[in-house]
Amino acid sequence: MGAAREVLLAEPGLDREACAAVVAGAGLPRPPRAWPCELTDREVDVLRLAARGLTNRAIAGALGVAERTVGHHLAHVYDKTGRRTRAGAAVFAMEHGLLPG
């Protein structure tokens, strides 16, 4: 069944989230979600909080990480998305449906 999972997930033209739901329904581990610009799950978490206007300190407190770590994640977000400001990153998050609606 693992081989079928890989074939299904690699099939071009199929919706990845729909395929992930089928895989999960078959009792196999759900594949990680693919974020735009190859952002990691943690980078998306930081981006979402930054887009809401939280400071690095507040983001660090919310996620239980060091403030300096938040700065590193934001730097990666800026590099990967091609944005250079928090406002630009917030617009990116909105454009890609990363903010709760």
Protein backbone atom coordinates (compact mmCIF):
# COMPACT_ATOMS: atom_id res chain seq x y z
CA MET A 1 0.00 0.00 0.00
CA GLY A 2 2.94 2.33 0.60
CA ALA A 3 3.89 2.14 -3.08
CA ALA A 4 0.33 3.05 -4.10
CA ARG A 5 0.51 6.04 -1.75
CA GLU A 6 3.67 7.32 -3.46
CA VAL A 7 2.21 6.83 -6.95
CA LEU A 8 -0.99 8.67 -6.01
CA LEU A 9 0.86 11.59 -4.42
CA ALA A 10 3.24 11.91 -7.37
CA GLU A 11 0.50 11.91 -10.03
CA PRO A 12 0.53 15.28 -11.81
CA GLY A 13 -2.78 17.04 -12.21
CA LEU A 14 -4.37 15.61 -9.07
CA ASP A 15 -5.17 17.86 -6.13
CA ARG A 16 -2.56 17.11 -3.46
CA GLU A 17 -4.92 17.79 -0.56
CA ALA A 18 -7.58 15.46 -2.02
CA CYS A 19 -4.95 12.76 -2.50
CA ALA A 20 -3.77 13.27 1.08
CA ALA A 21 -7.35 12.77 2.30
CA VAL A 22 -7.61 9.49 0.35
CA VAL A 23 -4.28 8.33 1.78
CA ALA A 24 -5.39 9.20 5.32
CA GLY A 25 -8.71 7.43 4.74
CA ALA A 26 -6.79 4.29 3.79
CA GLY A 27 -5.11 4.39 7.19
CA LEU A 28 -1.70 5.50 5.93
CA PRO A 29 0.20 8.47 7.32
CA ARG A 30 -1.01 11.72 5.82
CA PRO A 31 1.76 13.43 3.83
CA PRO A 32 2.88 16.86 5.00
CA ARG A 33 1.18 19.79 3.35
CA ALA A 34 3.19 21.53 0.66
CA TRP A 35 3.42 25.26 1.43
CA PRO A 36 4.12 27.89 -1.22
CA CYS A 37 7.79 28.78 -1.89
CA GLU A 38 8.85 25.68 0.07
CA LEU A 39 8.05 27.32 3.41
CA THR A 40 8.26 25.00 6.40
CA ASP A 41 5.40 24.47 8.83
CA ARG A 42 7.19 26.59 11.44
CA GLU A 43 7.86 29.39 8.95
CA VAL A 44 4.15 29.44 8.11
CA ASP A 45 3.33 29.61 11.84
CA VAL A 46 5.68 32.59 12.25
CA LEU A 47 4.37 34.25 9.09
CA ARG A 48 0.75 33.96 10.22
CA LEU A 49 1.50 35.57 13.57
CA ALA A 50 3.67 38.29 12.02
CA ALA A 51 0.88 39.06 9.54
CA ARG A 52 -1.46 39.59 12.51
CA GLY A 53 0.92 42.29 13.75
CA LEU A 54 2.62 40.44 16.60
CA THR A 55 6.16 41.44 17.55
CA ASN A 56 9.01 38.94 17.45
CA ARG A 57 8.80 38.71 21.24
CA ALA A 58 5.06 37.98 21.15
CA ILE A 59 5.53 35.40 18.39
CA ALA A 60 8.29 33.74 20.41
CA GLY A 61 6.02 33.56 23.44
CA ALA A 62 3.12 32.14 21.43
CA LEU A 63 5.28 29.44 19.84
CA GLY A 64 7.54 28.69 22.78
CA VAL A 65 10.77 29.53 20.97
CA ALA A 66 13.48 32.15 21.42
CA GLU A 67 12.95 35.64 20.00
CA ARG A 68 16.14 35.23 17.98
CA THR A 69 14.73 32.03 16.43
CA VAL A 70 11.67 33.99 15.27
CA GLY A 71 14.02 36.47 13.59
CA HIS A 72 15.74 33.64 11.74
CA HIS A 73 12.41 32.20 10.60
CA LEU A 74 11.27 35.61 9.37
CA ALA A 75 14.53 36.06 7.46
CA HIS A 76 13.89 32.71 5.74
CA VAL A 77 10.32 33.74 4.96
CA TYR A 78 11.56 36.98 3.38
CA ASP A 79 14.19 35.13 1.35
CA LYS A 80 11.85 32.40 0.13
CA THR A 81 8.95 34.71 -0.72
CA GLY A 82 11.01 37.56 -2.17
CA ARG A 83 9.38 40.00 0.26
CA ARG A 84 11.42 42.39 2.35
CA THR A 85 8.98 43.76 4.92
CA ARG A 86 6.38 42.41 7.33
CA ALA A 87 3.71 44.18 5.31
CA GLY A 88 4.93 42.48 2.14
CA ALA A 89 5.01 39.13 3.90
CA ALA A 90 1.46 39.72 5.19
CA VAL A 91 0.29 40.43 1.64
CA PHE A 92 2.01 37.22 0.50
CA ALA A 93 0.18 35.30 3.24
CA MET A 94 -3.16 36.74 2.12
CA GLU A 95 -2.46 36.08 -1.57
CA HIS A 96 -1.69 32.43 -0.83
CA GLY A 97 -4.56 31.74 1.57
CA LEU A 98 -2.31 31.26 4.57
CA LEU A 99 -4.40 33.39 6.92
CA PRO A 100 -7.58 32.11 8.53
CA GLY A 101 -10.54 33.42 6.63
